Amino acid sequence: LFTYNKARLAGEVSPPTIDTPARPMTL
């Protein structure tokens, strides 16, 4: 996780964009 976060903060990797359309959701 630390190595990943360094890459994340440096812009080398990004979390996926959440584009799930509206749907009924659990709590």
PDB file of all heavy atoms in Angstrom:
ATOM      1  N   LEU A   1       0.811  -1.217   0.000  1.00  0.00           N
ATOM      2  CA  LEU A   1       0.000   0.000   0.000  1.00  0.00           C
ATOM      3  C   LEU A   1       0.845   1.267   0.000  1.00  0.00           C
ATOM      4  O   LEU A   1       0.506   2.253  -0.673  1.00  0.00           O
ATOM      5  CB  LEU A   1      -0.940  -0.008   1.212  1.00  0.00           C
ATOM      6  CG  LEU A   1      -1.927   1.163   1.297  1.00  0.00           C
ATOM      7  CD1 LEU A   1      -2.847   1.211   0.077  1.00  0.00           C
ATOM      8  CD2 LEU A   1      -2.774   1.054   2.571  1.00  0.00           C
ATOM      9  N   PHE A   2       1.963   1.302   0.750  1.00  0.00           N
ATOM     10  CA  PHE A   2       2.778   2.506   0.782  1.00  0.00           C
ATOM     11  C   PHE A   2       3.363   2.806  -0.592  1.00  0.00           C
ATOM     12  O   PHE A   2       3.345   3.949  -1.057  1.00  0.00           O
ATOM     13  CB  PHE A   2       3.906   2.357   1.806  1.00  0.00           C
ATOM     14  CG  PHE A   2       3.489   2.695   3.208  1.00  0.00           C
ATOM     15  CD1 PHE A   2       3.588   1.754   4.207  1.00  0.00           C
ATOM     16  CD2 PHE A   2       2.997   3.949   3.530  1.00  0.00           C
ATOM     17  CE1 PHE A   2       3.204   2.047   5.510  1.00  0.00           C
ATOM     18  CE2 PHE A   2       2.605   4.259   4.823  1.00  0.00           C
ATOM     19  CZ  PHE A   2       2.714   3.311   5.814  1.00  0.00           C
ATOM     20  N   THR A   3       3.882   1.783  -1.258  1.00  0.00           N
ATOM     21  CA  THR A   3       4.445   1.983  -2.597  1.00  0.00           C
ATOM     22  C   THR A   3       3.360   2.421  -3.564  1.00  0.00           C
ATOM     23  O   THR A   3       3.572   3.319  -4.398  1.00  0.00           O
ATOM     24  CB  THR A   3       5.101   0.682  -3.095  1.00  0.00           C
ATOM     25  OG1 THR A   3       6.001   0.192  -2.108  1.00  0.00           O
ATOM     26  CG2 THR A   3       5.867   0.926  -4.385  1.00  0.00           C
ATOM     27  N   TYR A   4       2.178   1.813  -3.449  1.00  0.00           N
ATOM     28  CA  TYR A   4       1.061   2.209  -4.300  1.00  0.00           C
ATOM     29  C   TYR A   4       0.686   3.668  -4.071  1.00  0.00           C
ATOM     30  O   TYR A   4       0.477   4.437  -5.019  1.00  0.00           O
ATOM     31  CB  TYR A   4      -0.149   1.308  -4.029  1.00  0.00           C
ATOM     32  CG  TYR A   4      -1.443   1.847  -4.620  1.00  0.00           C
ATOM     33  CD1 TYR A   4      -1.764   1.635  -5.961  1.00  0.00           C
ATOM     34  CD2 TYR A   4      -2.332   2.586  -3.844  1.00  0.00           C
ATOM     35  CE1 TYR A   4      -2.933   2.144  -6.508  1.00  0.00           C
ATOM     36  CE2 TYR A   4      -3.498   3.092  -4.368  1.00  0.00           C
ATOM     37  CZ  TYR A   4      -3.795   2.875  -5.708  1.00  0.00           C
ATOM     38  OH  TYR A   4      -4.952   3.394  -6.238  1.00  0.00           O
ATOM     39  N   ASN A   5       0.611   4.085  -2.804  1.00  0.00           N
ATOM     40  CA  ASN A   5       0.194   5.448  -2.510  1.00  0.00           C
ATOM     41  C   ASN A   5       1.214   6.474  -2.976  1.00  0.00           C
ATOM     42  O   ASN A   5       0.856   7.590  -3.371  1.00  0.00           O
ATOM     43  CB  ASN A   5      -0.094   5.613  -1.017  1.00  0.00           C
ATOM     44  CG  ASN A   5      -1.582   5.518  -0.720  1.00  0.00           C
ATOM     45  OD1 ASN A   5      -2.412   5.742  -1.588  1.00  0.00           O
ATOM     46  ND2 ASN A   5      -1.927   5.164   0.504  1.00  0.00           N
ATOM     47  N   LYS A   6       2.492   6.116  -2.931  1.00  0.00           N
ATOM     48  CA  LYS A   6       3.507   7.026  -3.474  1.00  0.00           C
ATOM     49  C   LYS A   6       3.281   7.223  -4.968  1.00  0.00           C
ATOM     50  O   LYS A   6       3.363   8.346  -5.484  1.00  0.00           O
ATOM     51  CB  LYS A   6       4.906   6.468  -3.210  1.00  0.00           C
ATOM     52  CG  LYS A   6       5.348   6.569  -1.757  1.00  0.00           C
ATOM     53  CD  LYS A   6       6.736   5.999  -1.565  1.00  0.00           C
ATOM     54  CE  LYS A   6       7.170   6.108  -0.104  1.00  0.00           C
ATOM     55  NZ  LYS A   6       8.517   5.513   0.125  1.00  0.00           N
ATOM     56  N   ALA A   7       2.982   6.125  -5.650  1.00  0.00           N
ATOM     57  CA  ALA A   7       2.696   6.222  -7.091  1.00  0.00           C
ATOM     58  C   ALA A   7       1.399   6.984  -7.325  1.00  0.00           C
ATOM     59  O   ALA A   7       1.293   7.779  -8.271  1.00  0.00           O
ATOM     60  CB  ALA A   7       2.614   4.818  -7.695  1.00  0.00           C
ATOM     61  N   ARG A   8       0.431   6.781  -6.455  1.00  0.00           N
ATOM     62  CA  ARG A   8      -0.856   7.480  -6.572  1.00  0.00           C
ATOM     63  C   ARG A   8      -0.675   8.985  -6.398  1.00  0.00           C
ATOM     64  O   ARG A   8      -1.192   9.788  -7.183  1.00  0.00           O
ATOM     65  CB  ARG A   8      -1.819   6.919  -5.529  1.00  0.00           C
ATOM     66  CG  ARG A   8      -3.181   7.607  -5.435  1.00  0.00           C
ATOM     67  CD  ARG A   8      -3.943   7.076  -4.228  1.00  0.00           C
ATOM     68  NE  ARG A   8      -5.128   7.856  -3.930  1.00  0.00           N
ATOM     69  CZ  ARG A   8      -5.670   7.982  -2.734  1.00  0.00           C
ATOM     70  NH1 ARG A   8      -5.098   7.359  -1.700  1.00  0.00           N
ATOM     71  NH2 ARG A   8      -6.738   8.709  -2.541  1.00  0.00           N
ATOM     72  N   LEU A   9       0.094   9.380  -5.379  1.00  0.00           N
ATOM     73  CA  LEU A   9       0.316  10.801  -5.127  1.00  0.00           C
ATOM     74  C   LEU A   9       1.171  11.441  -6.217  1.00  0.00           C
ATOM     75  O   LEU A   9       1.074  12.649  -6.457  1.00  0.00           O
ATOM     76  CB  LEU A   9       0.972  10.985  -3.751  1.00  0.00           C
ATOM     77  CG  LEU A   9       0.112  10.571  -2.551  1.00  0.00           C
ATOM     78  CD1 LEU A   9       0.900  10.659  -1.251  1.00  0.00           C
ATOM     79  CD2 LEU A   9      -1.147  11.438  -2.461  1.00  0.00           C
ATOM     80  N   ALA A  10       2.017  10.621  -6.866  1.00  0.00           N
ATOM     81  CA  ALA A  10       2.851  11.133  -7.955  1.00  0.00           C
ATOM     82  C   ALA A  10       2.117  11.145  -9.289  1.00  0.00           C
ATOM     83  O   ALA A  10       2.671  11.588 -10.305  1.00  0.00           O
ATOM     84  CB  ALA A  10       4.119  10.282  -8.070  1.00  0.00           C
ATOM     85  N   GLY A  11       0.892  10.677  -9.313  1.00  0.00           N
ATOM     86  CA  GLY A  11       0.111  10.668 -10.543  1.00  0.00           C
ATOM     87  C   GLY A  11       0.412   9.513 -11.471  1.00  0.00           C
ATOM     88  O   GLY A  11      -0.048   9.499 -12.615  1.00  0.00           O
ATOM     89  N   GLU A  12       1.160   8.504 -10.978  1.00  0.00           N
ATOM     90  CA  GLU A  12       1.513   7.373 -11.829  1.00  0.00           C
ATOM     91  C   GLU A  12       0.372   6.369 -11.940  1.00  0.00           C
ATOM     92  O   GLU A  12       0.315   5.581 -12.889  1.00  0.00           O
ATOM     93  CB  GLU A  12       2.752   6.664 -11.263  1.00  0.00           C
ATOM     94  CG  GLU A  12       3.988   7.540 -11.242  1.00  0.00           C
ATOM     95  CD  GLU A  12       5.142   6.866 -10.521  1.00  0.00           C
ATOM     96  OE1 GLU A  12       5.035   5.639 -10.264  1.00  0.00           O
ATOM     97  OE2 GLU A  12       6.135   7.538 -10.221  1.00  0.00           O
ATOM     98  N   VAL A  13      -0.515   6.362 -10.957  1.00  0.00           N
ATOM     99  CA  VAL A  13      -1.642   5.443 -10.966  1.00  0.00           C
ATOM    100  C   VAL A  13      -2.828   6.152 -10.323  1.00  0.00           C
ATOM    101  O   VAL A  13      -2.645   6.993  -9.436  1.00  0.00           O
ATOM    102  CB  VAL A  13      -1.299   4.138 -10.200  1.00  0.00           C
ATOM    103  CG1 VAL A  13      -1.010   4.418  -8.744  1.00  0.00           C
ATOM    104  CG2 VAL A  13      -2.402   3.110 -10.338  1.00  0.00           C
ATOM    105  N   SER A  14      -4.018   5.834 -10.783  1.00  0.00           N
ATOM    106  CA  SER A  14      -5.210   6.478 -10.232  1.00  0.00           C
ATOM    107  C   SER A  14      -6.271   5.426  -9.941  1.00  0.00           C
ATOM    108  O   SER A  14      -6.384   4.429 -10.670  1.00  0.00           O
ATOM    109  CB  SER A  14      -5.782   7.499 -11.218  1.00  0.00           C
ATOM    110  OG  SER A  14      -4.858   8.528 -11.482  1.00  0.00           O
ATOM    111  N   PRO A  15      -7.033   5.629  -8.889  1.00  0.00           N
ATOM    112  CA  PRO A  15      -8.160   4.726  -8.651  1.00  0.00           C
ATOM    113  C   PRO A  15      -9.148   4.835  -9.805  1.00  0.00           C
ATOM    114  O   PRO A  15      -9.236   5.882 -10.458  1.00  0.00           O
ATOM    115  CB  PRO A  15      -8.774   5.252  -7.344  1.00  0.00           C
ATOM    116  CG  PRO A  15      -7.735   6.127  -6.735  1.00  0.00           C
ATOM    117  CD  PRO A  15      -6.944   6.685  -7.866  1.00  0.00           C
ATOM    118  N   PRO A  16      -9.891   3.796 -10.064  1.00  0.00           N
ATOM    119  CA  PRO A  16     -10.863   3.853 -11.148  1.00  0.00           C
ATOM    120  C   PRO A  16     -11.965   4.872 -10.856  1.00  0.00           C
ATOM    121  O   PRO A  16     -12.324   5.107  -9.702  1.00  0.00           O
ATOM    122  CB  PRO A  16     -11.425   2.434 -11.205  1.00  0.00           C
ATOM    123  CG  PRO A  16     -11.190   1.882  -9.833  1.00  0.00           C
ATOM    124  CD  PRO A  16      -9.922   2.483  -9.358  1.00  0.00           C
ATOM    125  N   THR A  17     -12.470   5.463 -11.904  1.00  0.00           N
ATOM    126  CA  THR A  17     -13.599   6.385 -11.767  1.00  0.00           C
ATOM    127  C   THR A  17     -14.876   5.579 -11.502  1.00  0.00           C
ATOM    128  O   THR A  17     -15.144   4.585 -12.176  1.00  0.00           O
ATOM    129  CB  THR A  17     -13.782   7.226 -13.041  1.00  0.00           C
ATOM    130  OG1 THR A  17     -12.586   7.987 -13.261  1.00  0.00           O
ATOM    131  CG2 THR A  17     -14.964   8.174 -12.907  1.00  0.00           C
ATOM    132  N   ILE A  18     -15.632   6.003 -10.519  1.00  0.00           N
ATOM    133  CA  ILE A  18     -16.881   5.316 -10.208  1.00  0.00           C
ATOM    134  C   ILE A  18     -17.999   5.955 -11.027  1.00  0.00           C
ATOM    135  O   ILE A  18     -18.361   7.114 -10.808  1.00  0.00           O
ATOM    136  CB  ILE A  18     -17.209   5.400  -8.703  1.00  0.00           C
ATOM    137  CG1 ILE A  18     -16.065   4.816  -7.874  1.00  0.00           C
ATOM    138  CG2 ILE A  18     -18.515   4.674  -8.394  1.00  0.00           C
ATOM    139  CD1 ILE A  18     -15.761   3.371  -8.155  1.00  0.00           C
ATOM    140  N   ASP A  19     -18.499   5.204 -11.986  1.00  0.00           N
ATOM    141  CA  ASP A  19     -19.553   5.727 -12.857  1.00  0.00           C
ATOM    142  C   ASP A  19     -20.799   4.836 -12.818  1.00  0.00           C
ATOM    143  O   ASP A  19     -21.582   4.797 -13.776  1.00  0.00           O
ATOM    144  CB  ASP A  19     -19.055   5.868 -14.290  1.00  0.00           C
ATOM    145  CG  ASP A  19     -18.471   4.574 -14.838  1.00  0.00           C
ATOM    146  OD1 ASP A  19     -18.568   3.523 -14.153  1.00  0.00           O
ATOM    147  OD2 ASP A  19     -17.909   4.596 -15.949  1.00  0.00           O
ATOM    148  N   THR A  20     -20.984   4.130 -11.721  1.00  0.00           N
ATOM    149  CA  THR A  20     -22.161   3.278 -11.563  1.00  0.00           C
ATOM    150  C   THR A  20     -23.417   4.135 -11.642  1.00  0.00           C
ATOM    151  O   THR A  20     -23.538   5.127 -10.912  1.00  0.00           O
ATOM    152  CB  THR A  20     -22.120   2.534 -10.215  1.00  0.00           C
ATOM    153  OG1 THR A  20     -20.963   1.695 -10.185  1.00  0.00           O
ATOM    154  CG2 THR A  20     -23.362   1.700 -10.002  1.00  0.00           C
ATOM    155  N   PRO A  21     -24.352   3.812 -12.525  1.00  0.00           N
ATOM    156  CA  PRO A  21     -25.579   4.621 -12.634  1.00  0.00           C
ATOM    157  C   PRO A  21     -26.471   4.442 -11.410  1.00  0.00           C
ATOM    158  O   PRO A  21     -26.299   3.512 -10.615  1.00  0.00           O
ATOM    159  CB  PRO A  21     -26.253   4.070 -13.892  1.00  0.00           C
ATOM    160  CG  PRO A  21     -25.743   2.665 -14.021  1.00  0.00           C
ATOM    161  CD  PRO A  21     -24.346   2.694 -13.495  1.00  0.00           C
ATOM    162  N   ALA A  22     -27.408   5.346 -11.256  1.00  0.00           N
ATOM    163  CA  ALA A  22     -28.329   5.305 -10.113  1.00  0.00           C
ATOM    164  C   ALA A  22     -28.995   3.929 -10.016  1.00  0.00           C
ATOM    165  O   ALA A  22     -29.428   3.361 -11.021  1.00  0.00           O
ATOM    166  CB  ALA A  22     -29.381   6.385 -10.259  1.00  0.00           C
ATOM    167  N   ARG A  23     -29.060   3.406  -8.825  1.00  0.00           N
ATOM    168  CA  ARG A  23     -29.642   2.096  -8.572  1.00  0.00           C
ATOM    169  C   ARG A  23     -30.093   2.058  -7.118  1.00  0.00           C
ATOM    170  O   ARG A  23     -29.566   2.803  -6.273  1.00  0.00           O
ATOM    171  CB  ARG A  23     -28.636   0.971  -8.831  1.00  0.00           C
ATOM    172  CG  ARG A  23     -27.395   1.068  -7.952  1.00  0.00           C
ATOM    173  CD  ARG A  23     -26.327   0.034  -8.316  1.00  0.00           C
ATOM    174  NE  ARG A  23     -26.682  -1.314  -7.927  1.00  0.00           N
ATOM    175  CZ  ARG A  23     -26.425  -1.855  -6.741  1.00  0.00           C
ATOM    176  NH1 ARG A  23     -25.823  -1.157  -5.784  1.00  0.00           N
ATOM    177  NH2 ARG A  23     -26.766  -3.100  -6.483  1.00  0.00           N
ATOM    178  N   PRO A  24     -31.056   1.207  -6.761  1.00  0.00           N
ATOM    179  CA  PRO A  24     -31.404   1.047  -5.345  1.00  0.00           C
ATOM    180  C   PRO A  24     -30.202   0.483  -4.592  1.00  0.00           C
ATOM    181  O   PRO A  24     -29.567  -0.470  -5.060  1.00  0.00           O
ATOM    182  CB  PRO A  24     -32.572   0.056  -5.371  1.00  0.00           C
ATOM    183  CG  PRO A  24     -33.091   0.106  -6.768  1.00  0.00           C
ATOM    184  CD  PRO A  24     -31.912   0.388  -7.637  1.00  0.00           C
ATOM    185  N   MET A  25     -29.892   1.057  -3.460  1.00  0.00           N
ATOM    186  CA  MET A  25     -28.697   0.651  -2.723  1.00  0.00           C
ATOM    187  C   MET A  25     -29.026   0.172  -1.312  1.00  0.00           C
ATOM    188  O   MET A  25     -30.005   0.604  -0.701  1.00  0.00           O
ATOM    189  CB  MET A  25     -27.697   1.809  -2.647  1.00  0.00           C
ATOM    190  CG  MET A  25     -27.037   2.151  -3.981  1.00  0.00           C
ATOM    191  SD  MET A  25     -25.727   3.392  -3.801  1.00  0.00           S
ATOM    192  CE  MET A  25     -26.700   4.881  -3.519  1.00  0.00           C
ATOM    193  N   THR A  26     -28.173  -0.706  -0.813  1.00  0.00           N
ATOM    194  CA  THR A  26     -28.263  -1.165   0.569  1.00  0.00           C
ATOM    195  C   THR A  26     -27.790  -0.043   1.491  1.00  0.00           C
ATOM    196  O   THR A  26     -27.284   0.989   1.051  1.00  0.00           O
ATOM    197  CB  THR A  26     -27.392  -2.399   0.795  1.00  0.00           C
ATOM    198  OG1 THR A  26     -26.006  -2.025   0.650  1.00  0.00           O
ATOM    199  CG2 THR A  26     -27.710  -3.497  -0.202  1.00  0.00           C
ATOM    200  N   LEU A  27     -27.925  -0.284   2.778  1.00  0.00           N
ATOM    201  CA  LEU A  27     -27.547   0.716   3.774  1.00  0.00           C
ATOM    202  C   LEU A  27     -26.070   1.082   3.657  1.00  0.00           C
ATOM    203  O   LEU A  27     -25.700   2.267   3.593  1.00  0.00           O
ATOM    204  CB  LEU A  27     -27.866   0.166   5.163  1.00  0.00           C
ATOM    205  CG  LEU A  27     -27.753   1.069   6.380  1.00  0.00           C
ATOM    206  CD1 LEU A  27     -28.392   2.415   6.136  1.00  0.00           C
ATOM    207  CD2 LEU A  27     -28.379   0.387   7.586  1.00  0.00           C
TER     208      LEU A  27
END
